Amino acid sequence: MEWISALIASAITGAVTFSVANKQTNGSIEQEYTKNITNLFTIYKDQVDAMQKEVNQLKSQIKEIESKYIKDINGYKVIVEKLEDENEALREENEELKIKNAVLKGDHENGI
């Protein structure tokens, strides 16, 4: 009968040991999963933050380029307007010179 008591005691001890070891293993695995997920999330977040910073820099550069482009266009518009005004003045002067030339030719033909 002692052997039955020893067998029951051994079985109970084995079951308790198995249960505790199983819980510790499951706890370790859960801790490892949590650690891995946390690491992956941290890596992902760092990459997203870096990309967001890069996107913000690119947006800033695009705004600077657009600003310069608009300034250049406005500058060219001013130059074009000045040149058009100068061209118009030169056309008017040319017409006046044509008239003077025609008058001089007419006077020259008339013996003057």
PDB file of N, CA and C in Angstrom:
ATOM      1  N   MET A   1       0.816  -1.174   0.000  1.00  0.00           N
ATOM      2  CA  MET A   1       0.000   0.000   0.000  1.00  0.00           C
ATOM      3  C   MET A   1       0.868   1.249   0.000  1.00  0.00           C
ATOM      4  N   GLU A   2       2.026   1.087   0.509  1.00  0.00           N
ATOM      5  CA  GLU A   2       2.937   2.213   0.499  1.00  0.00           C
ATOM      6  C   GLU A   2       3.293   2.604  -0.921  1.00  0.00           C
ATOM      7  N   TRP A   3       3.411   1.601  -1.726  1.00  0.00           N
ATOM      8  CA  TRP A   3       3.783   1.908  -3.095  1.00  0.00           C
ATOM      9  C   TRP A   3       2.678   2.699  -3.797  1.00  0.00           C
ATOM     10  N   ILE A   4       1.387   2.471  -3.401  1.00  0.00           N
ATOM     11  CA  ILE A   4       0.271   3.218  -3.994  1.00  0.00           C
ATOM     12  C   ILE A   4       0.348   4.667  -3.525  1.00  0.00           C
ATOM     13  N   SER A   5       0.640   4.855  -2.233  1.00  0.00           N
ATOM     14  CA  SER A   5       0.771   6.216  -1.701  1.00  0.00           C
ATOM     15  C   SER A   5       1.931   6.930  -2.387  1.00  0.00           C
ATOM     16  N   ALA A   6       3.036   6.219  -2.580  1.00  0.00           N
ATOM     17  CA  ALA A   6       4.204   6.806  -3.241  1.00  0.00           C
ATOM     18  C   ALA A   6       3.868   7.135  -4.697  1.00  0.00           C
ATOM     19  N   LEU A   7       3.121   6.244  -5.337  1.00  0.00           N
ATOM     20  CA  LEU A   7       2.731   6.452  -6.733  1.00  0.00           C
ATOM     21  C   LEU A   7       1.813   7.669  -6.855  1.00  0.00           C
ATOM     22  N   ILE A   8       0.845   7.785  -5.945  1.00  0.00           N
ATOM     23  CA  ILE A   8      -0.092   8.919  -5.967  1.00  0.00           C
ATOM     24  C   ILE A   8       0.676  10.218  -5.685  1.00  0.00           C
ATOM     25  N   ALA A   9       1.576  10.174  -4.699  1.00  0.00           N
ATOM     26  CA  ALA A   9       2.371  11.353  -4.359  1.00  0.00           C
ATOM     27  C   ALA A   9       3.247  11.756  -5.540  1.00  0.00           C
ATOM     28  N   SER A  10       3.834  10.793  -6.210  1.00  0.00           N
ATOM     29  CA  SER A  10       4.680  11.065  -7.380  1.00  0.00           C
ATOM     30  C   SER A  10       3.848  11.652  -8.516  1.00  0.00           C
ATOM     31  N   ALA A  11       2.656  11.102  -8.720  1.00  0.00           N
ATOM     32  CA  ALA A  11       1.784  11.587  -9.785  1.00  0.00           C
ATOM     33  C   ALA A  11       1.357  13.035  -9.520  1.00  0.00           C
ATOM     34  N   ILE A  12       0.996  13.297  -8.261  1.00  0.00           N
ATOM     35  CA  ILE A  12       0.571  14.657  -7.897  1.00  0.00           C
ATOM     36  C   ILE A  12       1.753  15.621  -8.052  1.00  0.00           C
ATOM     37  N   THR A  13       2.915  15.222  -7.568  1.00  0.00           N
ATOM     38  CA  THR A  13       4.109  16.064  -7.688  1.00  0.00           C
ATOM     39  C   THR A  13       4.437  16.304  -9.165  1.00  0.00           C
ATOM     40  N   GLY A  14       4.366  15.279  -9.976  1.00  0.00           N
ATOM     41  CA  GLY A  14       4.630  15.407 -11.417  1.00  0.00           C
ATOM     42  C   GLY A  14       3.638  16.336 -12.087  1.00  0.00           C
ATOM     43  N   ALA A  15       2.352  16.189 -11.716  1.00  0.00           N
ATOM     44  CA  ALA A  15       1.315  17.036 -12.316  1.00  0.00           C
ATOM     45  C   ALA A  15       1.530  18.496 -11.943  1.00  0.00           C
ATOM     46  N   VAL A  16       1.840  18.718 -10.663  1.00  0.00           N
ATOM     47  CA  VAL A  16       2.072  20.098 -10.211  1.00  0.00           C
ATOM     48  C   VAL A  16       3.306  20.673 -10.909  1.00  0.00           C
ATOM     49  N   THR A  17       4.371  19.906 -10.979  1.00  0.00           N
ATOM     50  CA  THR A  17       5.602  20.357 -11.631  1.00  0.00           C
ATOM     51  C   THR A  17       5.340  20.663 -13.107  1.00  0.00           C
ATOM     52  N   PHE A  18       4.605  19.775 -13.788  1.00  0.00           N
ATOM     53  CA  PHE A  18       4.264  19.981 -15.195  1.00  0.00           C
ATOM     54  C   PHE A  18       3.448  21.254 -15.367  1.00  0.00           C
ATOM     55  N   SER A  19       2.472  21.446 -14.509  1.00  0.00           N
ATOM     56  CA  SER A  19       1.600  22.613 -14.589  1.00  0.00           C
ATOM     57  C   SER A  19       2.398  23.896 -14.395  1.00  0.00           C
ATOM     58  N   VAL A  20       3.263  23.915 -13.386  1.00  0.00           N
ATOM     59  CA  VAL A  20       4.077  25.114 -13.109  1.00  0.00           C
ATOM     60  C   VAL A  20       5.029  25.361 -14.276  1.00  0.00           C
ATOM     61  N   ALA A  21       5.680  24.320 -14.759  1.00  0.00           N
ATOM     62  CA  ALA A  21       6.624  24.469 -15.872  1.00  0.00           C
ATOM     63  C   ALA A  21       5.896  24.943 -17.127  1.00  0.00           C
ATOM     64  N   ASN A  22       4.718  24.413 -17.363  1.00  0.00           N
ATOM     65  CA  ASN A  22       3.923  24.800 -18.529  1.00  0.00           C
ATOM     66  C   ASN A  22       3.538  26.279 -18.448  1.00  0.00           C
ATOM     67  N   LYS A  23       3.105  26.726 -17.271  1.00  0.00           N
ATOM     68  CA  LYS A  23       2.733  28.128 -17.088  1.00  0.00           C
ATOM     69  C   LYS A  23       3.948  29.031 -17.273  1.00  0.00           C
ATOM     70  N   GLN A  24       5.103  28.620 -16.755  1.00  0.00           N
ATOM     71  CA  GLN A  24       6.312  29.425 -16.900  1.00  0.00           C
ATOM     72  C   GLN A  24       6.736  29.497 -18.371  1.00  0.00           C
ATOM     73  N   THR A  25       6.627  28.369 -19.067  1.00  0.00           N
ATOM     74  CA  THR A  25       6.983  28.337 -20.484  1.00  0.00           C
ATOM     75  C   THR A  25       6.035  29.217 -21.283  1.00  0.00           C
ATOM     76  N   ASN A  26       4.735  29.082 -21.016  1.00  0.00           N
ATOM     77  CA  ASN A  26       3.756  29.916 -21.711  1.00  0.00           C
ATOM     78  C   ASN A  26       3.995  31.388 -21.390  1.00  0.00           C
ATOM     79  N   GLY A  27       4.318  31.675 -20.146  1.00  0.00           N
ATOM     80  CA  GLY A  27       4.622  33.057 -19.763  1.00  0.00           C
ATOM     81  C   GLY A  27       5.855  33.569 -20.486  1.00  0.00           C
ATOM     82  N   SER A  28       6.870  32.734 -20.590  1.00  0.00           N
ATOM     83  CA  SER A  28       8.099  33.128 -21.293  1.00  0.00           C
ATOM     84  C   SER A  28       7.813  33.358 -22.772  1.00  0.00           C
ATOM     85  N   ILE A  29       7.026  32.485 -23.355  1.00  0.00           N
ATOM     86  CA  ILE A  29       6.676  32.630 -24.774  1.00  0.00           C
ATOM     87  C   ILE A  29       5.867  33.909 -24.982  1.00  0.00           C
ATOM     88  N   GLU A  30       4.925  34.171 -24.097  1.00  0.00           N
ATOM     89  CA  GLU A  30       4.123  35.394 -24.213  1.00  0.00           C
ATOM     90  C   GLU A  30       5.001  36.629 -24.043  1.00  0.00           C
ATOM     91  N   GLN A  31       5.954  36.553 -23.104  1.00  0.00           N
ATOM     92  CA  GLN A  31       6.873  37.675 -22.927  1.00  0.00           C
ATOM     93  C   GLN A  31       7.729  37.878 -24.182  1.00  0.00           C
ATOM     94  N   GLU A  32       8.168  36.784 -24.764  1.00  0.00           N
ATOM     95  CA  GLU A  32       8.978  36.865 -25.987  1.00  0.00           C
ATOM     96  C   GLU A  32       8.154  37.441 -27.140  1.00  0.00           C
ATOM     97  N   TYR A  33       6.905  37.006 -27.274  1.00  0.00           N
ATOM     98  CA  TYR A  33       6.022  37.557 -28.312  1.00  0.00           C
ATOM     99  C   TYR A  33       5.820  39.051 -28.097  1.00  0.00           C
ATOM    100  N   THR A  34       5.567  39.418 -26.849  1.00  0.00           N
ATOM    101  CA  THR A  34       5.353  40.833 -26.530  1.00  0.00           C
ATOM    102  C   THR A  34       6.603  41.648 -26.854  1.00  0.00           C
ATOM    103  N   LYS A  35       7.749  41.115 -26.491  1.00  0.00           N
ATOM    104  CA  LYS A  35       9.012  41.802 -26.762  1.00  0.00           C
ATOM    105  C   LYS A  35       9.214  41.966 -28.272  1.00  0.00           C
ATOM    106  N   ASN A  36       8.977  40.896 -29.025  1.00  0.00           N
ATOM    107  CA  ASN A  36       9.154  40.948 -30.481  1.00  0.00           C
ATOM    108  C   ASN A  36       8.172  41.932 -31.131  1.00  0.00           C
ATOM    109  N   ILE A  37       6.935  41.901 -30.690  1.00  0.00           N
ATOM    110  CA  ILE A  37       5.926  42.810 -31.250  1.00  0.00           C
ATOM    111  C   ILE A  37       6.302  44.256 -30.925  1.00  0.00           C
ATOM    112  N   THR A  38       6.755  44.491 -29.704  1.00  0.00           N
ATOM    113  CA  THR A  38       7.180  45.839 -29.307  1.00  0.00           C
ATOM    114  C   THR A  38       8.350  46.299 -30.163  1.00  0.00           C
ATOM    115  N   ASN A  39       9.322  45.421 -30.392  1.00  0.00           N
ATOM    116  CA  ASN A  39      10.475  45.766 -31.233  1.00  0.00           C
ATOM    117  C   ASN A  39      10.038  46.074 -32.663  1.00  0.00           C
ATOM    118  N   LEU A  40       9.167  45.241 -33.212  1.00  0.00           N
ATOM    119  CA  LEU A  40       8.677  45.478 -34.572  1.00  0.00           C
ATOM    120  C   LEU A  40       7.921  46.803 -34.663  1.00  0.00           C
ATOM    121  N   PHE A  41       7.086  47.068 -33.676  1.00  0.00           N
ATOM    122  CA  PHE A  41       6.338  48.319 -33.675  1.00  0.00           C
ATOM    123  C   PHE A  41       7.276  49.518 -33.580  1.00  0.00           C
ATOM    124  N   THR A  42       8.299  49.407 -32.753  1.00  0.00           N
ATOM    125  CA  THR A  42       9.273  50.497 -32.609  1.00  0.00           C
ATOM    126  C   THR A  42      10.002  50.744 -33.929  1.00  0.00           C
ATOM    127  N   ILE A  43      10.424  49.677 -34.584  1.00  0.00           N
ATOM    128  CA  ILE A  43      11.102  49.803 -35.879  1.00  0.00           C
ATOM    129  C   ILE A  43      10.157  50.451 -36.891  1.00  0.00           C
ATOM    130  N   TYR A  44       8.915  49.975 -36.944  1.00  0.00           N
ATOM    131  CA  TYR A  44       7.914  50.523 -37.869  1.00  0.00           C
ATOM    132  C   TYR A  44       7.689  52.009 -37.596  1.00  0.00           C
ATOM    133  N   LYS A  45       7.521  52.355 -36.330  1.00  0.00           N
ATOM    134  CA  LYS A  45       7.271  53.754 -35.948  1.00  0.00           C
ATOM    135  C   LYS A  45       8.456  54.633 -36.323  1.00  0.00           C
ATOM    136  N   ASP A  46       9.672  54.153 -36.088  1.00  0.00           N
ATOM    137  CA  ASP A  46      10.867  54.922 -36.442  1.00  0.00           C
ATOM    138  C   ASP A  46      10.927  55.163 -37.951  1.00  0.00           C
ATOM    139  N   GLN A  47      10.594  54.130 -38.732  1.00  0.00           N
ATOM    140  CA  GLN A  47      10.610  54.270 -40.184  1.00  0.00           C
ATOM    141  C   GLN A  47       9.530  55.243 -40.653  1.00  0.00           C
ATOM    142  N   VAL A  48       8.355  55.149 -40.076  1.00  0.00           N
ATOM    143  CA  VAL A  48       7.271  56.068 -40.437  1.00  0.00           C
ATOM    144  C   VAL A  48       7.641  57.497 -40.065  1.00  0.00           C
ATOM    145  N   ASP A  49       8.214  57.685 -38.887  1.00  0.00           N
ATOM    146  CA  ASP A  49       8.636  59.022 -38.467  1.00  0.00           C
ATOM    147  C   ASP A  49       9.702  59.581 -39.407  1.00  0.00           C
ATOM    148  N   ALA A  50      10.663  58.741 -39.795  1.00  0.00           N
ATOM    149  CA  ALA A  50      11.724  59.172 -40.709  1.00  0.00           C
ATOM    150  C   ALA A  50      11.135  59.547 -42.066  1.00  0.00           C
ATOM    151  N   MET A  51      10.195  58.742 -42.545  1.00  0.00           N
ATOM    152  CA  MET A  51       9.561  59.040 -43.832  1.00  0.00           C
ATOM    153  C   MET A  51       8.739  60.316 -43.749  1.00  0.00           C
ATOM    154  N   GLN A  52       8.062  60.529 -42.631  1.00  0.00           N
ATOM    155  CA  GLN A  52       7.267  61.750 -42.465  1.00  0.00           C
ATOM    156  C   GLN A  52       8.173  62.971 -42.466  1.00  0.00           C
ATOM    157  N   LYS A  53       9.313  62.851 -41.812  1.00  0.00           N
ATOM    158  CA  LYS A  53      10.277  63.954 -41.789  1.00  0.00           C
ATOM    159  C   LYS A  53      10.762  64.242 -43.212  1.00  0.00           C
ATOM    160  N   GLU A  54      11.050  63.199 -43.961  1.00  0.00           N
ATOM    161  CA  GLU A  54      11.509  63.360 -45.336  1.00  0.00           C
ATOM    162  C   GLU A  54      10.421  63.986 -46.207  1.00  0.00           C
ATOM    163  N   VAL A  55       9.183  63.547 -46.020  1.00  0.00           N
ATOM    164  CA  VAL A  55       8.060  64.113 -46.771  1.00  0.00           C
ATOM    165  C   VAL A  55       7.914  65.595 -46.451  1.00  0.00           C
ATOM    166  N   ASN A  56       8.037  65.957 -45.193  1.00  0.00           N
ATOM    167  CA  ASN A  56       7.931  67.365 -44.808  1.00  0.00           C
ATOM    168  C   ASN A  56       9.051  68.187 -45.442  1.00  0.00           C
ATOM    169  N   GLN A  57      10.265  67.632 -45.486  1.00  0.00           N
ATOM    170  CA  GLN A  57      11.379  68.332 -46.121  1.00  0.00           C
ATOM    171  C   GLN A  57      11.114  68.519 -47.614  1.00  0.00           C
ATOM    172  N   LEU A  58      10.601  67.472 -48.265  1.00  0.00           N
ATOM    173  CA  LEU A  58      10.314  67.560 -49.693  1.00  0.00           C
ATOM    174  C   LEU A  58       9.206  68.573 -49.967  1.00  0.00           C
ATOM    175  N   LYS A  59       8.185  68.604 -49.114  1.00  0.00           N
ATOM    176  CA  LYS A  59       7.120  69.600 -49.275  1.00  0.00           C
ATOM    177  C   LYS A  59       7.693  71.004 -49.163  1.00  0.00           C
ATOM    178  N   SER A  60       8.589  71.199 -48.210  1.00  0.00           N
ATOM    179  CA  SER A  60       9.222  72.502 -48.024  1.00  0.00           C
ATOM    180  C   SER A  60      10.034  72.884 -49.256  1.00  0.00           C
ATOM    181  N   GLN A  61      10.781  71.936 -49.798  1.00  0.00           N
ATOM    182  CA  GLN A  61      11.574  72.198 -50.995  1.00  0.00           C
ATOM    183  C   GLN A  61      10.676  72.531 -52.184  1.00  0.00           C
ATOM    184  N   ILE A  62       9.562  71.822 -52.310  1.00  0.00           N
ATOM    185  CA  ILE A  62       8.628  72.088 -53.407  1.00  0.00           C
ATOM    186  C   ILE A  62       8.053  73.490 -53.277  1.00  0.00           C
ATOM    187  N   LYS A  63       7.708  73.898 -52.062  1.00  0.00           N
ATOM    188  CA  LYS A  63       7.190  75.249 -51.853  1.00  0.00           C
ATOM    189  C   LYS A  63       8.236  76.296 -52.230  1.00  0.00           C
ATOM    190  N   GLU A  64       9.492  76.050 -51.853  1.00  0.00           N
ATOM    191  CA  GLU A  64      10.566  76.980 -52.210  1.00  0.00           C
ATOM    192  C   GLU A  64      10.715  77.074 -53.720  1.00  0.00           C
ATOM    193  N   ILE A  65      10.670  75.929 -54.396  1.00  0.00           N
ATOM    194  CA  ILE A  65      10.795  75.914 -55.861  1.00  0.00           C
ATOM    195  C   ILE A  65       9.612  76.645 -56.492  1.00  0.00           C
ATOM    196  N   GLU A  66       8.405  76.365 -56.007  1.00  0.00           N
ATOM    197  CA  GLU A  66       7.223  77.053 -56.536  1.00  0.00           C
ATOM    198  C   GLU A  66       7.335  78.558 -56.314  1.00  0.00           C
ATOM    199  N   SER A  67       7.789  78.949 -55.141  1.00  0.00           N
ATOM    200  CA  SER A  67       7.933  80.367 -54.827  1.00  0.00           C
ATOM    201  C   SER A  67       8.932  81.020 -55.780  1.00  0.00           C
ATOM    202  N   LYS A  68      10.070  80.370 -55.979  1.00  0.00           N
ATOM    203  CA  LYS A  68      11.086  80.898 -56.893  1.00  0.00           C
ATOM    204  C   LYS A  68      10.534  80.947 -58.308  1.00  0.00           C
ATOM    205  N   TYR A  69       9.822  79.907 -58.706  1.00  0.00           N
ATOM    206  CA  TYR A  69       9.261  79.832 -60.047  1.00  0.00           C
ATOM    207  C   TYR A  69       8.281  80.985 -60.263  1.00  0.00           C
ATOM    208  N   ILE A  70       7.443  81.240 -59.276  1.00  0.00           N
ATOM    209  CA  ILE A  70       6.468  82.326 -59.384  1.00  0.00           C
ATOM    210  C   ILE A  70       7.196  83.665 -59.435  1.00  0.00           C
ATOM    211  N   LYS A  71       8.231  83.828 -58.612  1.00  0.00           N
ATOM    212  CA  LYS A  71       9.011  85.068 -58.636  1.00  0.00           C
ATOM    213  C   LYS A  71       9.664  85.256 -60.002  1.00  0.00           C
ATOM    214  N   ASP A  72      10.226  84.184 -60.558  1.00  0.00           N
ATOM    215  CA  ASP A  72      10.855  84.272 -61.875  1.00  0.00           C
ATOM    216  C   ASP A  72       9.838  84.659 -62.934  1.00  0.00           C
ATOM    217  N   ILE A  73       8.679  84.031 -62.912  1.00  0.00           N
ATOM    218  CA  ILE A  73       7.635  84.330 -63.901  1.00  0.00           C
ATOM    219  C   ILE A  73       7.198  85.785 -63.769  1.00  0.00           C
ATOM    220  N   ASN A  74       6.975  86.239 -62.553  1.00  0.00           N
ATOM    221  CA  ASN A  74       6.570  87.630 -62.359  1.00  0.00           C
ATOM    222  C   ASN A  74       7.661  88.584 -62.836  1.00  0.00           C
ATOM    223  N   GLY A  75       8.908  88.232 -62.587  1.00  0.00           N
ATOM    224  CA  GLY A  75      10.023  89.043 -63.077  1.00  0.00           C
ATOM    225  C   GLY A  75      10.052  89.091 -64.591  1.00  0.00           C
ATOM    226  N   TYR A  76       9.828  87.946 -65.224  1.00  0.00           N
ATOM    227  CA  TYR A  76       9.804  87.891 -66.691  1.00  0.00           C
ATOM    228  C   TYR A  76       8.621  88.680 -67.244  1.00  0.00           C
ATOM    229  N   LYS A  77       7.497  88.644 -66.565  1.00  0.00           N
ATOM    230  CA  LYS A  77       6.336  89.410 -67.014  1.00  0.00           C
ATOM    231  C   LYS A  77       6.652  90.904 -67.030  1.00  0.00           C
ATOM    232  N   VAL A  78       7.327  91.374 -65.989  1.00  0.00           N
ATOM    233  CA  VAL A  78       7.704  92.794 -65.919  1.00  0.00           C
ATOM    234  C   VAL A  78       8.637  93.141 -67.084  1.00  0.00           C
ATOM    235  N   ILE A  79       9.634  92.272 -67.323  1.00  0.00           N
ATOM    236  CA  ILE A  79      10.575  92.506 -68.417  1.00  0.00           C
ATOM    237  C   ILE A  79       9.848  92.515 -69.760  1.00  0.00           C
ATOM    238  N   VAL A  80       8.950  91.571 -69.965  1.00  0.00           N
ATOM    239  CA  VAL A  80       8.192  91.488 -71.223  1.00  0.00           C
ATOM    240  C   VAL A  80       7.345  92.745 -71.408  1.00  0.00           C
ATOM    241  N   GLU A  81       6.698  93.200 -70.344  1.00  0.00           N
ATOM    242  CA  GLU A  81       5.886  94.418 -70.450  1.00  0.00           C
ATOM    243  C   GLU A  81       6.752  95.617 -70.828  1.00  0.00           C
ATOM    244  N   LYS A  82       7.933  95.739 -70.219  1.00  0.00           N
ATOM    245  CA  LYS A  82       8.843  96.839 -70.553  1.00  0.00           C
ATOM    246  C   LYS A  82       9.269  96.745 -72.012  1.00  0.00           C
ATOM    247  N   LEU A  83       9.614  95.541 -72.447  1.00  0.00           N
ATOM    248  CA  LEU A  83      10.048  95.359 -73.830  1.00  0.00           C
ATOM    249  C   LEU A  83       8.912  95.637 -74.808  1.00  0.00           C
ATOM    250  N   GLU A  84       7.691  95.250 -74.452  1.00  0.00           N
ATOM    251  CA  GLU A  84       6.551  95.545 -75.325  1.00  0.00           C
ATOM    252  C   GLU A  84       6.322  97.049 -75.423  1.00  0.00           C
ATOM    253  N   ASP A  85       6.443  97.751 -74.291  1.00  0.00           N
ATOM    254  CA  ASP A  85       6.304  99.213 -74.314  1.00  0.00           C
ATOM    255  C   ASP A  85       7.408  99.843 -75.163  1.00  0.00           C
ATOM    256  N   GLU A  86       8.642  99.358 -74.989  1.00  0.00           N
ATOM    257  CA  GLU A  86       9.767  99.874 -75.770  1.00  0.00           C
ATOM    258  C   GLU A  86       9.564  99.583 -77.254  1.00  0.00           C
ATOM    259  N   ASN A  87       9.055  98.383 -77.545  1.00  0.00           N
ATOM    260  CA  ASN A  87       8.795  97.999 -78.932  1.00  0.00           C
ATOM    261  C   ASN A  87       7.744  98.925 -79.555  1.00  0.00           C
ATOM    262  N   GLU A  88       6.709  99.213 -78.794  1.00  0.00           N
ATOM    263  CA  GLU A  88       5.654 100.109 -79.289  1.00  0.00           C
ATOM    264  C   GLU A  88       6.213 101.509 -79.541  1.00  0.00           C
ATOM    265  N   ALA A  89       7.054 101.993 -78.619  1.00  0.00           N
ATOM    266  CA  ALA A  89       7.668 103.308 -78.796  1.00  0.00           C
ATOM    267  C   ALA A  89       8.554 103.319 -80.039  1.00  0.00           C
ATOM    268  N   LEU A  90       9.308 102.242 -80.245  1.00  0.00           N
ATOM    269  CA  LEU A  90      10.163 102.150 -81.428  1.00  0.00           C
ATOM    270  C   LEU A  90       9.338 102.079 -82.710  1.00  0.00           C
ATOM    271  N   ARG A  91       8.211 101.416 -82.679  1.00  0.00           N
ATOM    272  CA  ARG A  91       7.328 101.364 -83.858  1.00  0.00           C
ATOM    273  C   ARG A  91       6.818 102.767 -84.193  1.00  0.00           C
ATOM    274  N   GLU A  92       6.397 103.482 -83.152  1.00  0.00           N
ATOM    275  CA  GLU A  92       5.913 104.843 -83.374  1.00  0.00           C
ATOM    276  C   GLU A  92       7.025 105.724 -83.932  1.00  0.00           C
ATOM    277  N   GLU A  93       8.230 105.601 -83.365  1.00  0.00           N
ATOM    278  CA  GLU A  93       9.373 106.387 -83.861  1.00  0.00           C
ATOM    279  C   GLU A  93       9.682 106.002 -85.297  1.00  0.00           C
ATOM    280  N   ASN A  94       9.591 104.717 -85.604  1.00  0.00           N
ATOM    281  CA  ASN A  94       9.844 104.236 -86.970  1.00  0.00           C
ATOM    282  C   ASN A  94       8.843 104.840 -87.946  1.00  0.00           C
ATOM    283  N   GLU A  95       7.579 104.882 -87.545  1.00  0.00           N
ATOM    284  CA  GLU A  95       6.558 105.477 -88.414  1.00  0.00           C
ATOM    285  C   GLU A  95       6.859 106.958 -88.644  1.00  0.00           C
ATOM    286  N   GLU A  96       7.253 107.665 -87.588  1.00  0.00           N
ATOM    287  CA  GLU A  96       7.591 109.087 -87.726  1.00  0.00           C
ATOM    288  C   GLU A  96       8.785 109.262 -88.655  1.00  0.00           C
ATOM    289  N   LEU A  97       9.776 108.395 -88.521  1.00  0.00           N
ATOM    290  CA  LEU A  97      10.952 108.481 -89.386  1.00  0.00           C
ATOM    291  C   LEU A  97      10.605 108.160 -90.830  1.00  0.00           C
ATOM    292  N   LYS A  98       9.689 107.237 -91.036  1.00  0.00           N
ATOM    293  CA  LYS A  98       9.245 106.924 -92.398  1.00  0.00           C
ATOM    294  C   LYS A  98       8.594 108.151 -93.032  1.00  0.00           C
ATOM    295  N   ILE A  99       7.772 108.827 -92.230  1.00  0.00           N
ATOM    296  CA  ILE A  99       7.095 110.028 -92.732  1.00  0.00           C
ATOM    297  C   ILE A  99       8.130 111.111 -93.046  1.00  0.00           C
ATOM    298  N   LYS A 100       9.088 111.335 -92.150  1.00  0.00           N
ATOM    299  CA  LYS A 100      10.134 112.328 -92.374  1.00  0.00           C
ATOM    300  C   LYS A 100      10.960 111.967 -93.603  1.00  0.00           C
ATOM    301  N   ASN A 101      11.262 110.681 -93.733  1.00  0.00           N
ATOM    302  CA  ASN A 101      12.027 110.207 -94.879  1.00  0.00           C
ATOM    303  C   ASN A 101      11.256 110.457 -96.172  1.00  0.00           C
ATOM    304  N   ALA A 102       9.959 110.166 -96.132  1.00  0.00           N
ATOM    305  CA  ALA A 102       9.138 110.395 -97.323  1.00  0.00           C
ATOM    306  C   ALA A 102       9.099 111.877 -97.662  1.00  0.00           C
ATOM    307  N   VAL A 103       9.005 112.724 -96.609  1.00  0.00           N
ATOM    308  CA  VAL A 103       8.981 114.175 -96.837  1.00  0.00           C
ATOM    309  C   VAL A 103      10.307 114.622 -97.436  1.00  0.00           C
ATOM    310  N   LEU A 104      11.418 114.130 -96.873  1.00  0.00           N
ATOM    311  CA  LEU A 104      12.729 114.499 -97.392  1.00  0.00           C
ATOM    312  C   LEU A 104      12.926 114.024 -98.826  1.00  0.00           C
ATOM    313  N   LYS A 105      12.449 112.853 -99.138  1.00  0.00           N
ATOM    314  CA  LYS A 105      12.561 112.344-100.494  1.00  0.00           C
ATOM    315  C   LYS A 105      11.734 113.211-101.431  1.00  0.00           C
ATOM    316  N   GLY A 106      10.547 113.588-100.955  1.00  0.00           N
ATOM    317  CA  GLY A 106       9.688 114.436-101.778  1.00  0.00           C
ATOM    318  C   GLY A 106      10.323 115.785-102.014  1.00  0.00           C
ATOM    319  N   ASP A 107      10.939 116.374-100.991  1.00  0.00           N
ATOM    320  CA  ASP A 107      11.604 117.661-101.141  1.00  0.00           C
ATOM    321  C   ASP A 107      12.787 117.521-102.051  1.00  0.00           C
ATOM    322  N   HIS A 108      13.507 116.412-101.941  1.00  0.00           N
ATOM    323  CA  HIS A 108      14.681 116.188-102.775  1.00  0.00           C
ATOM    324  C   HIS A 108      14.266 116.053-104.247  1.00  0.00           C
ATOM    325  N   GLU A 109      13.146 115.407-104.476  1.00  0.00           N
ATOM    326  CA  GLU A 109      12.641 115.241-105.835  1.00  0.00           C
ATOM    327  C   GLU A 109      12.161 116.569-106.404  1.00  0.00           C
ATOM    328  N   ASN A 110      11.712 117.448-105.511  1.00  0.00           N
ATOM    329  CA  ASN A 110      11.212 118.745-105.955  1.00  0.00           C
ATOM    330  C   ASN A 110      12.341 119.737-106.124  1.00  0.00           C
ATOM    331  N   GLY A 111      13.580 119.329-105.922  1.00  0.00           N
ATOM    332  CA  GLY A 111      14.706 120.203-106.147  1.00  0.00           C
ATOM    333  C   GLY A 111      15.164 120.950-104.924  1.00  0.00           C
ATOM    334  N   ILE A 112      14.740 120.594-103.812  1.00  0.00           N
ATOM    335  CA  ILE A 112      15.144 121.317-102.611  1.00  0.00           C
ATOM    336  C   ILE A 112      16.371 120.684-102.021  1.00  0.00           C
TER     337      ILE A 112
END
